[in-house]
Amino acid sequence: MRRGWKMALSGGLRCCRRVLSWVPVLVIVLVVLWSYYAYVFELCLVTVLSPAEKVVYLILYHAIFVFFTWTYWKSIFTLPQQPNQKFHLSYTDKERYENEERPEVQKQMLVDMAKKLPVYTRTGSGAVRFCDRCHLIKPDRCHHCSVCAMCVLKMDHHCPWVNNCIGFSNYKFFLQFLAYSVLYCLYIATTVFSYFIKYWRGELPSVRSKFHVLFLLFVACMFFVSLVILFGYHCWLVSRNKTTLEAFCTPVFTSGPEKNGFNLGFIKNIQQVFGDKKKFWLIPVGSSPGDGHSFPMRSRNESQDPLLANEEPWEDNEDDNRDYPEGSSSLAVETET
């Protein structure tokens, strides 16, 4: 009886958590909808008097708005990619691993299994990175997200503002969302500013639109400052081919810790996220190279491994057996274990 109540309570709490996780997204959606109304109707259709100016403002605004909402949608609804089946323990291996009581034997079992996989990163102690929740050997740069309750390929962080885990499958979309968000706020602020001055000086009648125009400028500037900082930080990460987790915890390879283990050079680092076809860089369509399970490493190890000479080196990540507490930046939260 008591066990049944506990299970019901646990299920209810999980349901509440899932519902509440959409609150930040709902806040963003409401702010965007209000900004659309304030800009299109209260500014362009009511405040702006010049027909030519109305048309130019509306065309440019909607062009930016389409890409802004498109990338936000893709960031939210592109599911995180999980490791494929070959990284999971077979039923027999899982039984052997769980029944083995000696840690040193378990460690050796994982080493033997990992020899068949393109895995070159280790935990801080030098052991093979293994997720005891998903029962799999973690590919390089893969981490277990405590919020999504799954292992995510090339995990960067869990972002509450998109209610999704940002990783290999949607990191490009997330970066584009930040870029178009900055552009969206900047465009609104620059086009609204002159009318803000006119209202401030009393050159325009004090009507209902005054509130929307004044508040629109304030909100655009506020979001612009926070977004440009976050976007700049992620641009820095991309330029060095790092994830947020790797920036905080240096990846450990079979040869030891190496903070620049995946740094291939500025251009190649960008191509690792956006692909080598520049025509897709600004469009939210999948173009990142590879399958997210393995990544090229620095050429310093080419002489040690022939795989690296073909830019098929694999390496990254840190100690994945430790729990990373939730931490937040302007628009992102890192929750990884």
Protein backbone atom coordinates (compact mmCIF):
# COMPACT_ATOMS: atom_id res chain seq x y z
CA MET A 1 0.00 0.00 0.00
CA ARG A 2 2.74 2.43 1.04
CA ARG A 3 4.79 1.46 -2.00
CA GLY A 4 1.83 2.22 -4.26
CA TRP A 5 1.46 5.68 -2.74
CA LYS A 6 5.15 6.35 -3.22
CA MET A 7 4.98 5.33 -6.87
CA ALA A 8 1.92 7.51 -7.44
CA LEU A 9 3.58 10.46 -5.73
CA SER A 10 6.76 9.98 -7.74
CA GLY A 11 4.75 9.82 -10.97
CA GLY A 12 2.85 12.97 -10.01
CA LEU A 13 6.05 14.85 -9.26
CA ARG A 14 7.55 13.83 -12.61
CA CYS A 15 4.40 14.99 -14.38
CA CYS A 16 4.51 18.36 -12.58
CA ARG A 17 8.17 18.73 -13.42
CA ARG A 18 7.49 18.12 -17.12
CA VAL A 19 4.71 20.69 -17.11
CA LEU A 20 6.76 23.30 -15.24
CA SER A 21 9.71 22.78 -17.58
CA TRP A 22 7.66 24.47 -20.31
CA VAL A 23 7.16 27.65 -18.27
CA PRO A 24 10.38 29.38 -19.52
CA VAL A 25 9.42 28.55 -23.11
CA LEU A 26 5.93 29.94 -22.53
CA VAL A 27 7.42 33.16 -21.13
CA ILE A 28 9.60 33.60 -24.24
CA VAL A 29 6.67 32.87 -26.56
CA LEU A 30 4.46 35.43 -24.81
CA VAL A 31 7.18 38.08 -24.93
CA VAL A 32 7.74 37.41 -28.65
CA LEU A 33 4.00 37.55 -29.41
CA TRP A 34 3.69 40.85 -27.56
CA SER A 35 6.75 42.25 -29.36
CA TYR A 36 5.18 41.27 -32.69
CA TYR A 37 1.94 43.08 -31.80
CA ALA A 38 3.76 46.13 -30.42
CA TYR A 39 6.07 46.48 -33.42
CA VAL A 40 3.71 45.64 -36.28
CA PHE A 41 0.51 47.27 -35.04
CA GLU A 42 1.42 49.90 -32.46
CA LEU A 43 4.62 51.13 -34.13
CA CYS A 44 4.35 50.47 -37.87
CA LEU A 45 0.61 50.80 -38.40
CA VAL A 46 -0.21 53.44 -35.78
CA THR A 47 2.89 55.49 -34.98
CA VAL A 48 4.84 55.53 -38.27
CA LEU A 49 3.20 57.95 -40.70
CA SER A 50 5.27 57.51 -43.86
CA PRO A 51 3.85 54.69 -46.08
CA ALA A 52 7.30 53.94 -47.54
CA GLU A 53 8.81 53.69 -44.07
CA LYS A 54 6.00 51.38 -42.98
CA VAL A 55 6.65 49.02 -45.89
CA VAL A 56 10.43 48.90 -45.39
CA TYR A 57 10.12 48.37 -41.64
CA LEU A 58 7.56 45.58 -42.04
CA ILE A 59 9.44 43.71 -44.77
CA LEU A 60 12.74 43.69 -42.90
CA TYR A 61 11.05 42.87 -39.61
CA HIS A 62 9.21 39.85 -40.96
CA ALA A 63 12.31 38.54 -42.74
CA ILE A 64 14.19 38.51 -39.42
CA PHE A 65 11.14 37.27 -37.51
CA VAL A 66 10.77 34.21 -39.76
CA PHE A 67 14.36 33.06 -39.18
CA PHE A 68 14.15 33.90 -35.49
CA THR A 69 11.04 31.77 -34.91
CA TRP A 70 12.23 29.04 -37.28
CA THR A 71 15.51 28.52 -35.39
CA TYR A 72 13.73 28.70 -32.04
CA TRP A 73 11.32 25.99 -33.16
CA LYS A 74 14.19 23.79 -34.35
CA SER A 75 16.07 24.28 -31.07
CA ILE A 76 13.03 23.18 -29.08
CA PHE A 77 11.75 20.27 -31.14
CA THR A 78 14.93 18.71 -32.53
CA LEU A 79 15.36 15.72 -30.27
CA PRO A 80 18.78 15.08 -28.69
CA GLN A 81 20.63 12.29 -30.42
CA GLN A 82 21.52 9.25 -28.33
CA PRO A 83 24.35 6.73 -28.84
CA ASN A 84 23.51 3.91 -31.22
CA GLN A 85 23.14 0.30 -30.22
CA LYS A 86 26.77 -0.74 -30.62
CA PHE A 87 27.72 1.37 -27.58
CA HIS A 88 25.15 -0.38 -25.37
CA LEU A 89 26.15 -3.46 -23.44
CA SER A 90 24.69 -6.68 -24.76
CA TYR A 91 22.40 -8.63 -22.45
CA THR A 92 25.20 -11.10 -21.70
CA ASP A 93 27.79 -8.40 -21.04
CA LYS A 94 25.36 -6.48 -18.85
CA GLU A 95 24.68 -9.58 -16.75
CA ARG A 96 28.41 -10.29 -16.39
CA TYR A 97 29.14 -6.68 -15.46
CA GLU A 98 26.37 -6.41 -12.86
CA ASN A 99 27.13 -9.78 -11.28
CA GLU A 100 30.84 -9.00 -10.97
CA GLU A 101 31.58 -7.62 -7.49
CA ARG A 102 35.24 -6.75 -7.99
CA PRO A 103 35.66 -3.15 -9.28
CA GLU A 104 39.02 -3.90 -10.91
CA VAL A 105 37.48 -6.74 -12.91
CA GLN A 106 34.55 -4.55 -13.96
CA LYS A 107 37.01 -1.90 -15.10
CA GLN A 108 38.93 -4.42 -17.21
CA MET A 109 35.69 -5.71 -18.72
CA LEU A 110 34.86 -2.20 -19.93
CA VAL A 111 38.38 -1.80 -21.32
CA ASP A 112 37.99 -4.99 -23.35
CA MET A 113 34.58 -3.89 -24.67
CA ALA A 114 35.85 -0.40 -25.53
CA LYS A 115 38.62 -1.84 -27.72
CA LYS A 116 36.00 -2.53 -30.38
CA LEU A 117 34.71 1.04 -30.33
CA PRO A 118 36.12 4.41 -31.52
CA VAL A 119 36.41 5.67 -27.93
CA TYR A 120 39.48 7.69 -26.96
CA THR A 121 38.39 9.71 -23.94
CA ARG A 122 38.51 8.56 -20.36
CA THR A 123 37.38 9.54 -16.90
CA GLY A 124 39.65 11.55 -14.63
CA SER A 125 41.01 8.31 -13.18
CA GLY A 126 41.76 6.91 -16.63
CA ALA A 127 38.85 4.46 -16.73
CA VAL A 128 36.53 3.90 -19.67
CA ARG A 129 33.58 6.27 -19.48
CA PHE A 130 30.53 4.17 -18.67
CA CYS A 131 26.97 5.28 -17.92
CA ASP A 132 25.45 3.01 -15.29
CA ARG A 133 22.01 4.51 -15.93
CA CYS A 134 21.83 3.92 -19.69
CA HIS A 135 24.14 0.88 -19.50
CA LEU A 136 26.41 2.00 -22.31
CA ILE A 137 29.99 2.98 -22.98
CA LYS A 138 29.90 6.69 -23.66
CA PRO A 139 31.16 7.85 -27.05
CA ASP A 140 33.62 10.73 -27.02
CA ARG A 141 31.97 14.03 -26.01
CA CYS A 142 28.81 12.20 -24.91
CA HIS A 143 27.33 12.89 -21.47
CA HIS A 144 24.32 11.86 -19.45
CA CYS A 145 21.80 14.66 -18.98
CA SER A 146 20.09 14.43 -15.61
CA VAL A 147 17.13 16.48 -16.85
CA CYS A 148 16.46 14.52 -20.05
CA ALA A 149 17.46 11.26 -18.32
CA MET A 150 19.49 10.08 -21.32
CA CYS A 151 22.98 10.12 -22.74
CA VAL A 152 23.32 12.88 -25.35
CA LEU A 153 25.88 12.92 -28.14
CA LYS A 154 28.28 15.87 -27.97
CA MET A 155 26.29 17.36 -25.14
CA ASP A 156 26.80 21.09 -24.62
CA HIS A 157 24.25 21.93 -21.92
CA HIS A 158 20.59 21.65 -21.00
CA CYS A 159 18.82 24.90 -21.78
CA PRO A 160 15.57 25.67 -19.90
CA TRP A 161 14.66 28.43 -22.38
CA VAL A 162 14.17 25.83 -25.11
CA ASN A 163 13.32 22.99 -22.69
CA ASN A 164 15.75 20.78 -24.50
CA CYS A 165 19.23 19.37 -24.28
CA ILE A 166 21.65 21.11 -26.64
CA GLY A 167 23.99 18.67 -28.32
CA PHE A 168 25.16 17.28 -31.64
CA SER A 169 21.71 17.21 -33.25
CA ASN A 170 20.68 20.82 -32.50
CA TYR A 171 23.74 22.85 -31.48
CA LYS A 172 23.82 24.53 -34.90
CA PHE A 173 20.15 25.51 -34.52
CA PHE A 174 20.80 26.85 -31.02
CA LEU A 175 23.65 29.04 -32.28
CA GLN A 176 21.48 30.32 -35.11
CA PHE A 177 18.70 31.04 -32.65
CA LEU A 178 21.08 33.15 -30.56
CA ALA A 179 22.33 34.98 -33.67
CA TYR A 180 18.85 35.78 -34.98
CA SER A 181 17.71 36.71 -31.47
CA VAL A 182 20.51 39.27 -31.26
CA LEU A 183 19.63 40.56 -34.73
CA TYR A 184 15.92 40.69 -33.83
CA CYS A 185 16.53 42.74 -30.69
CA LEU A 186 19.04 45.01 -32.43
CA TYR A 187 16.67 45.71 -35.33
CA ILE A 188 13.79 46.54 -33.01
CA ALA A 189 15.93 48.81 -30.84
CA THR A 190 17.41 50.76 -33.75
CA THR A 191 14.09 51.30 -35.55
CA VAL A 192 12.14 52.15 -32.39
CA PHE A 193 14.72 54.53 -30.94
CA SER A 194 13.81 57.59 -33.02
CA TYR A 195 10.15 57.26 -32.05
CA PHE A 196 11.12 56.74 -28.44
CA ILE A 197 12.88 60.15 -28.60
CA LYS A 198 9.85 61.75 -30.22
CA TYR A 199 7.54 60.44 -27.51
CA TRP A 200 10.03 61.51 -24.85
CA ARG A 201 10.13 65.07 -26.23
CA GLY A 202 6.36 65.22 -26.63
CA GLU A 203 6.53 65.51 -30.41
CA LEU A 204 3.98 62.71 -30.77
CA PRO A 205 0.57 62.55 -29.06
CA SER A 206 0.48 60.59 -25.82
CA VAL A 207 -1.70 57.70 -26.91
CA ARG A 208 -1.80 54.00 -26.09
CA SER A 209 1.01 53.29 -28.55
CA LYS A 210 3.40 55.34 -26.43
CA PHE A 211 3.52 52.66 -23.74
CA HIS A 212 4.18 49.87 -26.23
CA VAL A 213 6.91 51.80 -28.05
CA LEU A 214 8.70 52.82 -24.85
CA PHE A 215 8.49 49.37 -23.31
CA LEU A 216 9.48 47.71 -26.61
CA LEU A 217 12.77 49.60 -26.65
CA PHE A 218 13.48 48.74 -23.02
CA VAL A 219 12.78 45.01 -23.50
CA ALA A 220 14.78 44.85 -26.75
CA CYS A 221 17.82 46.48 -25.13
CA MET A 222 17.59 44.29 -22.05
CA PHE A 223 17.46 41.06 -24.05
CA PHE A 224 20.11 42.30 -26.48
CA VAL A 225 22.70 42.76 -23.74
CA SER A 226 22.19 39.28 -22.25
CA LEU A 227 21.94 37.57 -25.64
CA VAL A 228 25.03 39.19 -27.15
CA ILE A 229 27.09 38.04 -24.16
CA LEU A 230 25.81 34.47 -24.44
CA PHE A 231 26.20 34.44 -28.22
CA GLY A 232 29.74 35.80 -27.94
CA TYR A 233 30.63 33.07 -25.46
CA HIS A 234 29.35 30.34 -27.77
CA CYS A 235 31.18 31.88 -30.72
CA TRP A 236 34.35 31.59 -28.66
CA LEU A 237 33.53 27.94 -27.93
CA VAL A 238 32.94 27.19 -31.62
CA SER A 239 36.21 28.89 -32.62
CA ARG A 240 38.03 26.42 -30.35
CA ASN A 241 35.79 23.43 -31.03
CA LYS A 242 34.71 23.10 -27.41
CA THR A 243 31.42 22.44 -25.71
CA THR A 244 30.31 24.28 -22.59
CA LEU A 245 31.08 21.19 -20.50
CA GLU A 246 34.56 20.89 -22.02
CA ALA A 247 35.25 24.55 -21.29
CA PHE A 248 34.62 23.90 -17.59
CA CYS A 249 36.18 20.43 -17.37
CA THR A 250 39.19 19.59 -19.50
CA PRO A 251 38.69 16.43 -21.56
CA VAL A 252 40.83 13.47 -20.57
CA PHE A 253 42.25 11.30 -23.34
CA THR A 254 44.10 8.01 -23.26
CA SER A 255 47.28 10.11 -23.24
CA GLY A 256 46.04 12.41 -20.46
CA PRO A 257 44.15 15.73 -20.13
CA GLU A 258 44.20 18.00 -23.18
CA LYS A 259 42.12 21.17 -23.20
CA ASN A 260 42.64 21.69 -26.95
CA GLY A 261 42.24 18.07 -27.98
CA PHE A 262 39.57 18.84 -30.58
CA ASN A 263 40.92 22.18 -31.79
CA LEU A 264 41.47 21.72 -35.53
CA GLY A 265 41.99 25.37 -36.43
CA PHE A 266 39.49 28.21 -36.78
CA ILE A 267 37.92 27.30 -40.14
CA LYS A 268 37.72 23.56 -39.48
CA ASN A 269 36.29 24.22 -36.03
CA ILE A 270 33.45 26.21 -37.58
CA GLN A 271 32.89 23.47 -40.14
CA GLN A 272 32.53 20.94 -37.33
CA VAL A 273 29.29 22.73 -36.37
CA PHE A 274 28.00 24.24 -39.60
CA GLY A 275 29.44 21.89 -42.22
CA ASP A 276 31.63 22.69 -45.23
CA LYS A 277 28.80 24.02 -47.42
CA LYS A 278 28.51 27.71 -46.63
CA LYS A 279 25.10 28.02 -48.31
CA PHE A 280 23.62 26.13 -45.33
CA TRP A 281 25.34 28.12 -42.58
CA LEU A 282 22.50 30.63 -42.11
CA ILE A 283 19.63 28.21 -42.69
CA PRO A 284 18.37 25.93 -39.88
CA VAL A 285 18.85 22.63 -41.67
CA GLY A 286 21.09 19.81 -40.54
CA SER A 287 24.59 20.16 -42.02
CA SER A 288 26.97 19.18 -39.20
CA PRO A 289 29.45 16.52 -40.41
CA GLY A 290 29.65 13.03 -38.93
CA ASP A 291 27.24 11.02 -36.84
CA GLY A 292 28.07 12.47 -33.42
CA HIS A 293 29.77 9.31 -32.18
CA SER A 294 33.34 10.20 -33.12
CA PHE A 295 35.26 13.36 -33.90
CA PRO A 296 38.60 14.31 -35.48
CA MET A 297 41.32 15.29 -33.04
CA ARG A 298 44.43 17.40 -33.26
CA SER A 299 47.08 16.10 -35.67
CA ARG A 300 49.68 15.90 -32.91
CA ASN A 301 48.76 12.24 -32.42
CA GLU A 302 48.82 11.22 -36.10
CA SER A 303 52.06 9.32 -35.72
CA GLN A 304 50.58 7.29 -32.88
CA ASP A 305 47.32 6.31 -34.56
CA PRO A 306 46.82 5.88 -38.32
CA LEU A 307 43.15 6.78 -37.90
CA LEU A 308 44.16 10.33 -37.04
CA ALA A 309 46.00 10.80 -40.30
CA ASN A 310 42.66 10.55 -42.10
CA GLU A 311 41.08 13.10 -39.78
CA GLU A 312 39.16 10.31 -38.16
CA PRO A 313 40.78 10.79 -34.75
CA TRP A 314 38.46 10.66 -31.87
CA GLU A 315 38.92 12.25 -28.56
CA ASP A 316 37.25 14.31 -25.92
CA ASN A 317 35.42 14.67 -22.73
CA GLU A 318 36.03 14.62 -19.14
CA ASP A 319 35.13 12.59 -16.14
CA ASP A 320 31.59 11.51 -16.90
CA ASN A 321 31.17 9.44 -13.79
CA ARG A 322 30.84 12.56 -11.70
CA ASP A 323 27.64 14.51 -11.36
CA TYR A 324 27.54 18.01 -12.71
CA PRO A 325 25.13 20.17 -10.70
CA GLU A 326 22.77 22.49 -12.47
CA GLY A 327 24.34 25.86 -13.13
CA SER A 328 22.95 28.76 -15.10
CA SER A 329 24.22 31.48 -17.39
CA SER A 330 22.08 34.13 -19.06
CA LEU A 331 20.03 31.69 -21.08
CA ALA A 332 21.54 28.29 -20.42
CA VAL A 333 21.84 25.71 -17.70
CA GLU A 334 24.44 22.97 -17.62
CA THR A 335 23.02 19.76 -16.15
CA GLU A 336 25.14 16.75 -16.89
CA THR A 337 26.16 13.64 -15.10
